């Protein structure tokens, strides 16, 4: 194994996906940060956890040095996030009489928004919300998921996501997203018939 490949083997368990606003990706990474567009206005980057609760962002030079692809980094990072998330509890909010079901990831570990990449979680919650699954990730430490059947709740969540995004130190996206079982897309409200 080449030296650089060994370096990837050494860091692979500390590699995680992070969600970041495209403006910040450009400003912080100066075009060198490895990123991928998940949906309109929704981008993933990758970080290596370092001692002292620090994150070192993965660059295109890292990929060349390690001899690995963006896909390899993405798959490895998401698997690590799946392992990190196992056993953790999502906050479930509901009225006693039912309806208005809402799920929130707010562990404050820097990966809450990145949990939008955990497709099994999305499938599980899409199965229990009323209507289509709608997800908001305004900043890296908050993810909210609801169904779109309750129009009043949808409006409240949409306003809250936009507000949280504007004031965030680590903004992700002011938009809402949906998951069709295969991919994440920007949510567009369809008129009721």
Protein backbone atom coordinates (compact mmCIF):
# COMPACT_ATOMS: atom_id res chain seq x y z
CA UNK A 1 0.00 0.00 0.00
CA UNK A 2 1.33 3.44 -0.94
CA UNK A 3 2.07 5.93 1.84
CA UNK A 4 -0.78 8.25 0.81
CA UNK A 5 -3.27 5.36 0.69
CA UNK A 6 -2.15 4.48 4.21
CA UNK A 7 -2.95 8.04 5.26
CA UNK A 8 -6.53 7.62 3.99
CA UNK A 9 -6.79 4.34 5.91
CA UNK A 10 -5.67 6.21 9.04
CA UNK A 11 -8.30 8.95 8.76
CA UNK A 12 -11.21 7.06 7.21
CA UNK A 13 -12.95 6.44 10.58
CA UNK A 14 -12.79 10.17 11.41
CA UNK A 15 -14.28 11.31 8.08
CA UNK A 16 -17.81 12.76 8.15
CA UNK A 17 -20.15 14.64 5.82
CA UNK A 18 -21.05 18.23 6.66
CA UNK A 19 -23.62 20.44 5.01
CA UNK A 20 -22.57 23.97 4.10
CA UNK A 21 -24.01 26.95 2.28
CA UNK A 22 -22.40 27.26 -1.20
CA UNK A 23 -21.23 30.81 -0.47
CA UNK A 24 -19.32 29.60 2.59
CA UNK A 25 -17.88 26.66 0.64
CA UNK A 26 -16.41 29.12 -1.82
CA UNK A 27 -15.22 31.59 0.83
CA UNK A 28 -13.70 29.03 3.21
CA UNK A 29 -12.41 26.61 0.62
CA UNK A 30 -11.29 29.03 -2.10
CA UNK A 31 -12.37 26.48 -4.68
CA UNK A 32 -10.31 23.68 -3.12
CA UNK A 33 -12.86 22.15 -0.74
CA UNK A 34 -14.38 18.88 -1.99
CA UNK A 35 -18.12 19.44 -2.28
CA UNK A 36 -21.11 17.94 -3.99
CA UNK A 37 -24.55 19.26 -4.79
CA UNK A 38 -27.28 17.10 -3.27
CA UNK A 39 -30.19 19.24 -4.48
CA UNK A 40 -30.80 22.84 -5.50
CA UNK A 41 -29.11 24.99 -2.85
CA UNK A 42 -28.00 21.95 -0.79
CA UNK A 43 -24.32 21.02 -0.71
CA UNK A 44 -22.24 18.47 1.17
CA UNK A 45 -18.58 18.83 2.12
CA UNK A 46 -16.36 16.46 4.10
CA UNK A 47 -14.42 16.93 7.30
CA UNK A 48 -11.88 14.96 9.28
CA UNK A 49 -12.31 15.14 13.04
CA UNK A 50 -9.08 16.31 14.64
CA UNK A 51 -8.08 16.51 18.34
CA UNK A 52 -9.55 19.41 20.27
CA UNK A 53 -12.98 19.20 18.57
CA UNK A 54 -11.57 20.61 15.34
CA UNK A 55 -12.52 19.72 11.78
CA UNK A 56 -10.15 19.76 8.84
CA UNK A 57 -12.00 20.08 5.54
CA UNK A 58 -11.15 17.63 2.76
CA UNK A 59 -9.61 19.23 -0.34
CA UNK A 60 -9.18 18.08 -3.92
CA UNK A 61 -5.46 17.79 -3.18
CA UNK A 62 -6.31 15.29 -0.43
CA UNK A 63 -8.18 13.15 -2.97
CA UNK A 64 -5.16 13.20 -5.30
CA UNK A 65 -2.75 12.43 -2.45
CA UNK A 66 -4.88 9.60 -1.12
CA UNK A 67 -5.63 8.17 -4.57
CA UNK A 68 -9.35 7.96 -3.80
CA UNK A 69 -12.42 9.31 -5.53
CA UNK A 70 -15.03 11.78 -4.34
CA UNK A 71 -17.48 8.85 -4.34
CA UNK A 72 -15.25 6.82 -1.99
CA UNK A 73 -14.99 9.78 0.40
CA UNK A 74 -18.78 10.34 0.27
CA UNK A 75 -19.69 6.70 0.92
CA UNK A 76 -17.13 6.42 3.74
CA UNK A 77 -18.30 9.66 5.38
CA UNK A 78 -22.00 8.73 5.23
CA UNK A 79 -21.31 5.26 6.68
CA UNK A 80 -19.40 6.89 9.52
CA UNK A 81 -22.35 9.22 10.15
CA UNK A 82 -24.71 6.23 10.18
CA UNK A 83 -22.54 4.58 12.85
CA UNK A 84 -22.29 7.81 14.85
CA UNK A 85 -26.08 8.21 14.74
CA UNK A 86 -26.90 4.65 15.85
CA UNK A 87 -28.45 4.67 19.29
CA UNK A 88 -29.06 8.43 19.23
CA UNK A 89 -32.62 9.64 19.58
CA UNK A 90 -34.35 12.01 17.26
CA UNK A 91 -36.78 14.39 19.00
CA UNK A 92 -40.37 13.55 18.10
CA UNK A 93 -43.01 16.20 18.65
CA UNK A 94 -46.71 15.43 18.38
CA UNK A 95 -49.99 16.66 19.82
CA UNK A 96 -51.65 14.28 22.30
CA UNK A 97 -54.59 13.84 19.93
CA UNK A 98 -52.27 13.07 17.01
CA UNK A 99 -51.37 14.99 13.89
CA UNK A 100 -48.69 17.66 13.47
CA UNK A 101 -45.94 15.06 13.76
CA UNK A 102 -42.48 16.64 13.65
CA UNK A 103 -39.01 15.12 13.93
CA UNK A 104 -35.99 17.21 14.89
CA UNK A 105 -32.29 16.36 14.92
CA UNK A 106 -30.67 18.81 17.31
CA UNK A 107 -27.75 16.94 18.90
CA UNK A 108 -25.47 19.97 18.42
CA UNK A 109 -22.67 17.71 17.17
CA UNK A 110 -22.20 19.58 13.90
CA UNK A 111 -23.79 16.75 11.90
CA UNK A 112 -27.52 17.34 12.45
CA UNK A 113 -28.10 18.80 8.97
CA UNK A 114 -25.93 16.09 7.41
CA UNK A 115 -28.38 13.49 8.69
CA UNK A 116 -30.45 14.42 5.63
CA UNK A 117 -28.05 12.02 3.86
CA UNK A 118 -29.27 9.06 5.96
CA UNK A 119 -31.77 7.69 3.47
CA UNK A 120 -33.07 4.87 5.70
CA UNK A 121 -34.00 7.46 8.31
CA UNK A 122 -35.76 9.50 5.60
CA UNK A 123 -37.68 6.42 4.42
CA UNK A 124 -38.72 5.51 7.97
CA UNK A 125 -40.10 8.95 8.72
CA UNK A 126 -41.66 9.42 5.29
CA UNK A 127 -43.72 6.33 6.13
CA UNK A 128 -45.24 7.90 9.27
CA UNK A 129 -45.81 11.57 8.41
CA UNK A 130 -49.02 12.72 6.76
CA UNK A 131 -48.47 13.75 3.15
CA UNK A 132 -45.04 14.10 1.58
CA UNK A 133 -41.94 14.24 3.77
CA UNK A 134 -40.60 17.81 3.99
CA UNK A 135 -37.16 18.50 5.46
CA UNK A 136 -35.48 21.74 6.52
CA UNK A 137 -31.76 22.14 7.23
CA UNK A 138 -31.20 25.84 7.90
CA UNK A 139 -27.86 25.37 9.66
CA UNK A 140 -25.53 22.53 10.54
CA UNK A 141 -27.00 21.91 14.00
CA UNK A 142 -30.67 21.54 13.12
CA UNK A 143 -32.78 19.30 10.90
CA UNK A 144 -36.57 19.31 10.97
CA UNK A 145 -38.86 16.88 9.16
CA UNK A 146 -42.65 17.03 8.82
CA UNK A 147 -45.40 15.96 6.46
CA UNK A 148 -46.94 18.51 4.14
CA UNK A 149 -50.57 17.57 4.85
CA UNK A 150 -50.84 20.26 7.55
CA UNK A 151 -50.53 23.51 5.61
CA UNK A 152 -50.36 25.69 8.73
CA UNK A 153 -47.49 23.67 10.19
CA UNK A 154 -45.73 23.72 6.82
CA UNK A 155 -45.90 27.53 6.74
CA UNK A 156 -44.56 27.79 10.30
CA UNK A 157 -41.66 25.45 9.54
CA UNK A 158 -40.88 27.26 6.28
CA UNK A 159 -40.67 30.61 8.09
CA UNK A 160 -38.58 29.13 10.91
CA UNK A 161 -36.11 27.53 8.49
CA UNK A 162 -35.64 30.82 6.63
CA UNK A 163 -35.18 32.72 9.91
CA UNK A 164 -32.73 30.16 11.37
CA UNK A 165 -30.72 30.23 8.14
CA UNK A 166 -30.37 34.02 8.13
CA UNK A 167 -28.93 34.15 11.64
CA UNK A 168 -26.74 31.04 11.49
CA UNK A 169 -23.00 30.92 12.04
CA UNK A 170 -22.86 27.79 9.87
CA UNK A 171 -25.76 28.20 7.41
CA UNK A 172 -26.84 25.36 5.14
CA UNK A 173 -30.01 26.26 3.20
CA UNK A 174 -33.10 28.48 3.53
CA UNK A 175 -35.13 26.04 1.39
CA UNK A 176 -37.27 23.04 2.21
CA UNK A 177 -36.57 19.65 0.64
CA UNK A 178 -38.41 16.42 0.03
CA UNK A 179 -37.35 12.81 -0.47
CA UNK A 180 -39.04 10.56 -3.02
CA UNK A 181 -37.52 7.33 -1.73
CA UNK A 182 -34.47 7.67 -3.97
CA UNK A 183 -33.30 11.26 -4.04
CA UNK A 184 -33.60 14.59 -2.29
CA UNK A 185 -35.07 17.52 -4.22
CA UNK A 186 -36.09 21.05 -3.37
CA UNK A 187 -39.65 21.05 -2.09
CA UNK A 188 -42.25 22.87 -4.15
CA UNK A 189 -45.74 23.05 -2.69
CA UNK A 190 -48.33 21.62 -5.04
CA UNK A 191 -51.81 23.17 -4.89
CA UNK A 192 -54.42 20.89 -3.31
CA UNK A 193 -57.07 19.67 -5.71
